[in-house]
Protein backbone atom coordinates (compact mmCIF):
# COMPACT_ATOMS: atom_id res chain seq x y z
CA UNK A 1 104.71 138.20 183.81
CA UNK A 2 103.94 141.59 185.26
CA UNK A 3 104.49 141.20 189.00
CA UNK A 4 103.73 143.69 191.76
CA UNK A 5 105.81 143.35 194.92
CA UNK A 6 104.03 145.14 197.75
CA UNK A 7 106.57 146.32 200.31
CA UNK A 8 110.22 147.40 199.99
CA UNK A 9 111.73 146.01 203.16
CA UNK A 10 114.50 143.42 202.92
CA UNK A 11 111.84 140.78 202.09
CA UNK A 12 110.28 142.81 199.27
CA UNK A 13 113.59 143.89 197.73
CA UNK A 14 115.04 140.37 197.68
CA UNK A 15 111.77 139.09 196.19
CA UNK A 16 111.98 141.73 193.45
CA UNK A 17 115.57 140.73 192.68
CA UNK A 18 114.91 137.01 192.22
CA UNK A 19 111.77 137.62 190.17
CA UNK A 20 113.49 140.17 187.94
CA UNK A 21 116.47 137.90 187.45
CA UNK A 22 114.03 135.20 186.32
CA UNK A 23 112.84 137.56 183.57
CA UNK A 24 109.66 139.03 185.04
CA UNK A 25 108.58 142.67 184.74
CA UNK A 26 108.60 143.75 188.38
CA UNK A 27 107.22 146.85 190.13
CA UNK A 28 107.86 147.46 193.84
CA UNK A 29 105.42 149.68 195.74
CA UNK A 30 106.10 151.14 199.18
CA UNK A 31 104.69 153.98 201.28
CA UNK A 32 108.15 155.14 202.36
CA UNK A 33 110.56 157.27 200.33
CA UNK A 34 113.32 154.63 200.30
CA UNK A 35 113.70 150.89 200.90
CA UNK A 36 113.97 149.30 204.35
CA UNK A 37 112.59 152.25 206.31
CA UNK A 38 110.40 150.32 208.76
CA UNK A 39 111.04 146.85 210.24
CA UNK A 40 114.26 146.37 208.24
CA UNK A 41 115.68 149.78 209.15
CA UNK A 42 117.48 149.11 212.45
CA UNK A 43 116.96 145.46 213.36
CA UNK A 44 119.43 143.23 215.19
CA UNK A 45 121.55 142.87 212.04
CA UNK A 46 122.20 139.14 212.49
CA UNK A 47 122.13 136.37 209.89
CA UNK A 48 121.42 133.94 212.70
CA UNK A 49 120.61 130.40 211.61
CA UNK A 50 121.61 129.48 215.16
CA UNK A 51 118.67 131.48 216.52
CA UNK A 52 116.15 128.90 215.34
CA UNK A 53 114.49 128.09 218.66
CA UNK A 54 111.12 129.84 218.32
CA UNK A 55 109.51 131.98 220.97
CA UNK A 56 106.84 129.29 221.14
CA UNK A 57 108.55 126.55 223.15
CA UNK A 58 107.58 124.52 226.23
CA UNK A 59 109.18 127.03 228.63
CA UNK A 60 107.50 130.09 227.12
CA UNK A 61 104.02 130.09 228.78
CA UNK A 62 105.38 130.29 232.33
CA UNK A 63 107.88 132.98 231.34
CA UNK A 64 105.17 135.09 229.70
CA UNK A 65 103.01 134.80 232.83
CA UNK A 66 105.95 135.77 235.03
CA UNK A 67 106.66 138.82 232.88
CA UNK A 68 103.05 140.10 232.76
CA UNK A 69 102.95 143.72 233.87
CA UNK A 70 106.75 144.11 233.90
CA UNK A 71 107.41 147.11 231.69
CA UNK A 72 111.00 146.03 231.06
CA UNK A 73 110.29 142.32 230.42
CA UNK A 74 112.04 140.68 227.45
CA UNK A 75 108.63 139.58 226.14
CA UNK A 76 105.67 141.71 227.19
CA UNK A 77 102.12 140.65 226.36
CA UNK A 78 99.71 143.57 226.79
CA UNK A 79 96.16 142.36 227.25
CA UNK A 80 93.84 144.16 224.85
CA UNK A 81 90.19 143.68 223.84
CA UNK A 82 91.32 142.35 220.48
CA UNK A 83 89.91 139.00 219.25
CA UNK A 84 92.70 138.74 216.66
CA UNK A 85 95.36 139.00 219.35
CA UNK A 86 93.49 136.51 221.54
CA UNK A 87 93.21 133.99 218.69
CA UNK A 88 96.90 134.43 217.87
CA UNK A 89 97.75 133.82 221.53
CA UNK A 90 95.83 130.54 221.57
CA UNK A 91 97.69 129.36 218.48
CA UNK A 92 100.95 130.41 220.11
CA UNK A 93 100.18 128.17 223.09
CA UNK A 94 99.50 125.26 220.74
CA UNK A 95 102.90 125.80 219.09
CA UNK A 96 104.58 125.55 222.51
CA UNK A 97 104.08 121.77 222.53
CA UNK A 98 107.41 119.89 222.31
CA UNK A 99 106.53 118.16 219.04
CA UNK A 100 105.57 121.45 217.37
CA UNK A 101 108.65 123.22 218.70
CA UNK A 102 110.94 120.51 217.31
CA UNK A 103 109.25 120.60 213.90
CA UNK A 104 109.45 124.40 213.78
CA UNK A 105 113.16 124.34 214.67
CA UNK A 106 113.83 121.88 211.83
CA UNK A 107 111.95 124.08 209.35
CA UNK A 108 113.70 127.27 210.50
CA UNK A 109 117.17 125.73 210.35
CA UNK A 110 116.51 124.28 206.89
CA UNK A 111 115.36 127.59 205.43
CA UNK A 112 118.02 129.50 207.35
CA UNK A 113 120.90 127.41 205.98
CA UNK A 114 119.53 127.79 202.44
CA UNK A 115 119.05 131.52 202.87
CA UNK A 116 122.56 132.06 204.25
CA UNK A 117 123.94 130.23 201.21
CA UNK A 118 121.83 132.37 198.86
CA UNK A 119 123.06 135.55 200.56
CA UNK A 120 126.66 134.47 200.10
CA UNK A 121 126.10 133.79 196.40
CA UNK A 122 124.37 137.14 195.97
CA UNK A 123 127.07 139.05 197.84
CA UNK A 124 129.81 137.50 195.71
CA UNK A 125 127.92 137.90 192.43
CA UNK A 126 127.09 141.60 192.95
CA UNK A 127 130.03 142.61 195.18
CA UNK A 128 127.59 143.92 197.81
CA UNK A 129 128.85 145.73 200.90
CA UNK A 130 126.62 146.52 203.88
CA UNK A 131 128.94 146.62 206.93
CA UNK A 132 128.93 142.85 206.73
CA UNK A 133 130.95 140.81 209.20
CA UNK A 134 131.58 137.08 208.84
CA UNK A 135 132.96 136.13 212.23
CA UNK A 136 130.14 133.92 213.49
CA UNK A 137 127.62 134.50 216.28
CA UNK A 138 128.30 133.79 219.95
CA UNK A 139 125.34 133.03 222.22
CA UNK A 140 126.56 133.69 225.74
CA UNK A 141 124.86 132.94 229.04
CA UNK A 142 125.05 134.53 232.46
CA UNK A 143 122.50 132.15 234.05
CA UNK A 144 123.62 128.53 234.62
CA UNK A 145 120.08 127.19 234.05
CA UNK A 146 119.82 128.99 230.71
CA UNK A 147 123.19 127.56 229.69
CA UNK A 148 122.17 124.03 230.66
CA UNK A 149 119.06 124.42 228.49
CA UNK A 150 121.22 125.60 225.58
CA UNK A 151 123.44 122.50 225.47
CA UNK A 152 120.80 120.04 224.16
CA UNK A 153 119.44 122.78 221.89
CA UNK A 154 122.88 123.14 220.34
CA UNK A 155 123.02 119.37 219.78
CA UNK A 156 119.62 119.55 218.07
CA UNK A 157 120.86 122.34 215.79
CA UNK A 158 123.90 120.26 214.85
CA UNK A 159 121.65 117.31 214.04
CA UNK A 160 119.81 119.56 211.56
CA UNK A 161 123.04 120.77 209.94
CA UNK A 162 123.76 124.02 211.83
CA UNK A 163 127.21 123.93 213.44
CA UNK A 164 126.47 125.33 216.91
CA UNK A 165 129.32 124.49 219.27
CA UNK A 166 129.24 124.53 223.08
CA UNK A 167 131.93 126.77 224.60
CA UNK A 168 133.38 127.19 228.10
CA UNK A 169 133.49 130.63 229.75
CA UNK A 170 137.19 130.97 228.85
CA UNK A 171 136.47 130.05 225.23
CA UNK A 172 133.67 132.63 225.10
CA UNK A 173 136.06 135.38 226.29
CA UNK A 174 138.64 134.27 223.74
CA UNK A 175 136.04 134.55 220.95
CA UNK A 176 134.88 137.98 222.19
CA UNK A 177 137.51 139.67 224.38
CA UNK A 178 135.28 142.70 225.03
CA UNK A 179 133.26 140.50 227.42
CA UNK A 180 136.26 140.32 229.79
CA UNK A 181 135.16 143.62 231.34
CA UNK A 182 131.63 142.41 232.11
CA UNK A 183 130.23 143.04 235.59
CA UNK A 184 128.21 139.84 235.12
CA UNK A 185 130.18 136.57 234.82
CA UNK A 186 129.71 134.59 231.62
CA UNK A 187 129.00 130.94 232.55
CA UNK A 188 129.22 129.46 229.04
CA UNK A 189 128.08 129.85 225.48
CA UNK A 190 127.45 128.36 222.06
CA UNK A 191 129.19 129.52 218.92
CA UNK A 192 128.07 129.27 215.30
CA UNK A 193 131.13 130.10 213.18
CA UNK A 194 129.27 130.27 209.86
CA UNK A 195 126.66 132.82 210.92
CA UNK A 196 127.08 136.48 209.99
CA UNK A 197 125.90 140.02 210.60
CA UNK A 198 125.38 143.17 208.56
CA UNK A 199 123.14 146.18 208.05
CA UNK A 200 119.86 145.08 206.43
CA UNK A 201 119.01 148.63 205.38
CA UNK A 202 122.33 149.14 203.58
CA UNK A 203 121.91 145.73 201.95
CA UNK A 204 118.40 146.59 200.76
CA UNK A 205 119.53 149.91 199.34
CA UNK A 206 122.41 148.29 197.47
CA UNK A 207 120.31 145.42 196.13
CA UNK A 208 117.52 147.75 195.00
CA UNK A 209 120.11 149.59 192.90
CA UNK A 210 120.89 146.33 191.11
CA UNK A 211 117.15 145.65 190.75
CA UNK A 212 116.70 148.99 189.00
CA UNK A 213 119.50 148.11 186.60
CA UNK A 214 117.61 144.92 185.77
CA UNK A 215 114.55 147.00 184.87
CA UNK A 216 112.59 146.89 188.14
CA UNK A 217 110.34 149.89 188.73
CA UNK A 218 110.32 151.34 192.25
CA UNK A 219 107.28 153.39 193.28
CA UNK A 220 108.08 155.08 196.63
CA UNK A 221 105.70 157.18 198.74
CA UNK A 222 102.67 155.35 197.35
CA UNK A 223 100.14 153.96 199.82
CA UNK A 224 98.22 150.84 198.80
CA UNK A 225 94.46 151.12 199.29
CA UNK A 226 93.28 147.61 198.42
CA UNK A 227 93.85 144.56 196.27
CA UNK A 228 91.82 144.14 193.07
CA UNK A 229 90.22 140.86 192.10
CA UNK A 230 88.48 139.42 189.05
CA UNK A 231 86.56 136.40 190.27
CA UNK A 232 89.07 134.10 191.92
CA UNK A 233 92.07 135.94 190.46
CA UNK A 234 94.03 138.85 191.93
CA UNK A 235 94.43 141.40 189.13
CA UNK A 236 96.42 144.17 190.84
CA UNK A 237 96.06 146.94 193.40
CA UNK A 238 94.49 150.35 193.75
CA UNK A 239 96.58 153.04 195.43
CA UNK A 240 95.26 155.62 197.86
CA UNK A 241 95.47 158.32 195.17
CA UNK A 242 93.17 156.29 192.91
CA UNK A 243 95.89 154.89 190.62
CA UNK A 244 95.20 151.34 189.47
CA UNK A 245 98.16 149.01 188.89
CA UNK A 246 97.30 145.89 186.91
CA UNK A 247 99.42 142.76 187.23
CA UNK A 248 99.52 139.06 186.49
CA UNK A 249 100.71 138.38 190.05
CA UNK A 250 100.96 140.25 193.34
CA UNK A 251 103.34 139.39 196.19
CA UNK A 252 102.29 140.70 199.60
CA UNK A 253 105.50 141.46 201.52
CA UNK A 254 104.15 144.08 203.90
CA UNK A 255 105.31 142.51 207.13
CA UNK A 256 102.92 143.13 210.02
CA UNK A 257 100.55 145.03 207.73
CA UNK A 258 100.01 142.07 205.40
CA UNK A 259 96.90 140.73 207.21
CA UNK A 260 95.23 144.16 207.07
CA UNK A 261 95.50 144.24 203.27
CA UNK A 262 94.36 140.62 202.90
CA UNK A 263 91.44 140.66 205.34
CA UNK A 264 88.89 142.34 203.00
CA UNK A 265 89.39 139.41 200.58
CA UNK A 266 88.63 136.91 203.32
CA UNK A 267 92.26 135.75 203.41
CA UNK A 268 93.13 135.34 207.09
CA UNK A 269 96.74 134.78 208.10
CA UNK A 270 98.13 134.31 211.63
CA UNK A 271 100.48 137.30 211.58
CA UNK A 272 100.53 139.71 214.52
CA UNK A 273 102.96 142.57 215.22
CA UNK A 274 105.69 142.04 217.80
CA UNK A 275 107.22 145.39 218.61
CA UNK A 276 110.99 145.42 218.91
CA UNK A 277 113.52 148.06 219.92
CA UNK A 278 117.12 148.95 219.13
CA UNK A 279 119.84 151.43 219.98
CA UNK A 280 122.76 152.26 217.71
CA UNK A 281 125.89 153.60 219.39
CA UNK A 282 128.71 155.57 217.78
CA UNK A 283 132.05 153.90 218.52
CA UNK A 284 135.07 156.20 218.86
CA UNK A 285 138.43 154.98 217.61
CA UNK A 286 140.28 152.84 220.12
CA UNK A 287 137.33 151.78 222.30
CA UNK A 288 137.17 148.03 222.99
CA UNK A 289 133.76 147.09 221.62
CA UNK A 290 132.38 143.72 220.50
CA UNK A 291 133.88 142.51 217.25
CA UNK A 292 131.79 139.32 217.04
CA UNK A 293 128.01 139.39 216.77
CA UNK A 294 126.56 138.39 220.15
CA UNK A 295 123.29 137.05 221.47
CA UNK A 296 122.55 137.50 225.17
CA UNK A 297 119.97 134.76 225.57
CA UNK A 298 118.97 135.61 229.12
CA UNK A 299 118.06 139.21 228.28
CA UNK A 300 116.89 138.37 224.71
CA UNK A 301 119.25 140.99 223.26
CA UNK A 302 121.68 140.95 220.36
CA UNK A 303 124.81 143.05 219.80
CA UNK A 304 126.15 143.55 216.28
CA UNK A 305 129.17 145.54 215.16
CA UNK A 306 128.46 147.62 212.03
CA UNK A 307 131.70 149.36 211.16
CA UNK A 308 132.09 152.14 213.72
CA UNK A 309 128.61 151.53 215.10
CA UNK A 310 127.23 149.04 217.62
CA UNK A 311 123.62 147.91 217.27
CA UNK A 312 121.84 146.64 220.41
CA UNK A 313 118.42 145.19 219.67
CA UNK A 314 115.77 142.95 221.14
CA UNK A 315 112.69 142.54 223.33
CA UNK A 316 109.19 141.86 222.07
CA UNK A 317 106.06 143.78 223.00
CA UNK A 318 102.66 142.55 221.83
CA UNK A 319 100.61 145.75 221.82
CA UNK A 320 98.92 145.80 218.42
CA UNK A 321 99.93 148.39 215.84
CA UNK A 322 101.23 151.00 218.29
CA UNK A 323 104.47 152.31 216.73
CA UNK A 324 105.26 154.89 219.41
CA UNK A 325 108.71 154.61 220.96
CA UNK A 326 108.36 153.73 224.65
CA UNK A 327 111.45 154.99 226.58
CA UNK A 328 110.86 152.41 229.32
CA UNK A 329 111.47 149.60 226.81
CA UNK A 330 114.83 151.09 225.79
CA UNK A 331 116.15 151.35 229.34
CA UNK A 332 116.87 147.59 229.73
CA UNK A 333 119.00 147.76 226.57
CA UNK A 334 121.09 150.56 228.08
CA UNK A 335 121.38 148.90 231.50
CA UNK A 336 122.38 145.50 230.12
CA UNK A 337 124.92 147.04 227.76
CA UNK A 338 126.48 149.03 230.62
CA UNK A 339 126.69 145.91 232.80
CA UNK A 340 128.21 143.71 230.09
CA UNK A 341 130.49 146.34 228.57
CA UNK A 342 131.35 148.99 231.22
CA UNK A 343 133.88 150.46 228.80
CA UNK A 344 131.00 151.60 226.57
CA UNK A 345 129.18 153.64 229.21
CA UNK A 346 128.43 157.18 228.14
CA UNK A 347 128.83 156.64 224.40
CA UNK A 348 126.67 158.69 222.05
CA UNK A 349 123.38 157.14 220.95
CA UNK A 350 123.16 157.74 217.21
CA UNK A 351 119.72 156.27 216.75
CA UNK A 352 116.75 154.97 218.76
CA UNK A 353 114.35 152.72 216.87
CA UNK A 354 111.20 150.71 217.28
CA UNK A 355 109.49 148.58 214.66
CA UNK A 356 106.78 145.98 214.23
CA UNK A 357 108.06 142.51 213.44
CA UNK A 358 105.50 140.23 211.70
CA UNK A 359 105.22 137.23 214.03
CA UNK A 360 103.45 133.95 213.39
CA UNK A 361 102.60 131.67 216.36
CA UNK A 362 105.31 129.15 215.49
CA UNK A 363 107.81 131.65 214.04
CA UNK A 364 107.60 130.11 210.55
CA UNK A 365 107.15 132.56 207.66
CA UNK A 366 104.28 132.27 205.20
CA UNK A 367 105.56 131.66 201.67
CA UNK A 368 103.48 130.73 198.65
CA UNK A 369 100.12 130.92 196.96
CA UNK A 370 96.76 131.87 198.46
CA UNK A 371 93.31 130.74 197.28
CA UNK A 372 93.30 133.66 194.81
CA UNK A 373 95.17 132.92 191.61
CA UNK A 374 98.08 135.29 191.22
CA UNK A 375 98.16 136.30 194.90
CA UNK A 376 101.27 135.20 196.80
CA UNK A 377 102.64 135.81 200.29
CA UNK A 378 106.16 136.41 201.59
CA UNK A 379 105.59 137.56 205.14
CA UNK A 380 105.51 136.51 208.80
CA UNK A 381 109.28 136.21 209.40
CA UNK A 382 109.21 137.63 212.94
CA UNK A 383 112.72 138.33 214.21
CA UNK A 384 114.32 136.34 211.37
CA UNK A 385 113.43 138.46 208.35
CA UNK A 386 117.04 139.41 207.59
CA UNK A 387 118.20 135.83 208.23
CA UNK A 388 115.59 134.25 205.96
CA UNK A 389 115.18 136.98 203.33
CA UNK A 390 117.25 135.65 200.44
CA UNK A 391 116.11 132.05 200.83
CA UNK A 392 112.44 133.01 201.20
CA UNK A 393 112.57 135.21 198.10
CA UNK A 394 114.31 132.60 195.99
CA UNK A 395 111.93 129.86 197.14
CA UNK A 396 108.91 132.04 196.33
CA UNK A 397 110.28 132.97 192.90
CA UNK A 398 110.64 129.25 192.15
CA UNK A 399 107.04 128.61 193.24
CA UNK A 400 105.71 131.45 191.10
CA UNK A 401 107.62 130.11 188.09
CA UNK A 402 106.50 126.54 188.69
CA UNK A 403 110.03 125.30 189.40
CA UNK A 404 110.78 122.77 192.12
CA UNK A 405 112.40 124.72 194.99
CA UNK A 406 115.62 123.50 196.58
CA UNK A 407 113.89 123.63 199.98
CA UNK A 408 110.64 121.80 200.76
CA UNK A 409 108.01 124.60 200.81
CA UNK A 410 105.41 122.61 202.76
CA UNK A 411 106.16 123.97 206.28
CA UNK A 412 105.76 127.57 205.11
CA UNK A 413 102.62 127.31 203.00
CA UNK A 414 100.03 129.98 203.88
């Protein structure tokens, strides 16, 4: 088939790879000049199956209320006269019920384990390098109450097949010695030895090169105007310059912008942008910096070593499609880094980034067919796009080809 993949982030590029490897004629369209230039450009860099507890959980509503109006809050909900945001918020509250949270964790762990396996196969098959590091992920806690909450969550992860082990403060410092200098005592942690980290942008660039060798066409700097339909079938897209691209199937992998393209067709999906931030520090030779990917659950930040760089990323700001970089949202990243790693104070900031992560109320991505024949979705991954990319793409390629996927697709159906 002739397949159009709309979007060249890590989701779009992995989708193109699995479809092309299955023998389809694939064209990838993106408004940027290169792959992974928006949400995938400078994310937290973690392949974090262990990070499967969704934002929507029983404790979330009170936390969100407490953080209202705090410019440096880990999760900031900005009230706006936007019925779409209001409707999304109501669905978010519904997903905070214990039964929904448990079901969503199970679905995220299942897809995450599959995706991590697919990434490993792909890395070995193509000899991909992207500043990858396979030393696990350590969730550490500086608040005793947060740590107590993490212990049963770790047991739940283990029940679903994700090896997340509870660690004492001494064991945490042995796993990541750079935390020994912290001004804030570590009270405990959980460690997932099979999780990984790596640069999603470098991965996307490398994988796109292999896609091109398989015959994939990449159309950069081309803005999509609208989807084309013929009755109940999606027949392609029209670009902003008037070019029409015909196809047998279209995959919408535009992240937070997916609902805007789908809305004129009457296809409504519960995806809303959650704005995240990151800093990337240059690490001089000899400095003692983290060598294991870390998650600071209390501050909702992650730290990932990328060669001679350190990526600090996190926070969520629900403010619509505002892509401006707010300096006030970066300050908590700097302050927390300085408190946890005093030895890193004063290091050069190579890059400041903000991007819109496509969030669904329950944190589950949307994978599969829509009511239009030939129109498929691979979007809504929230903070787990890099974690779930390979598995989501392979699952979707199986669905498009009519093959039975190795993972039950039911929880992720649009």
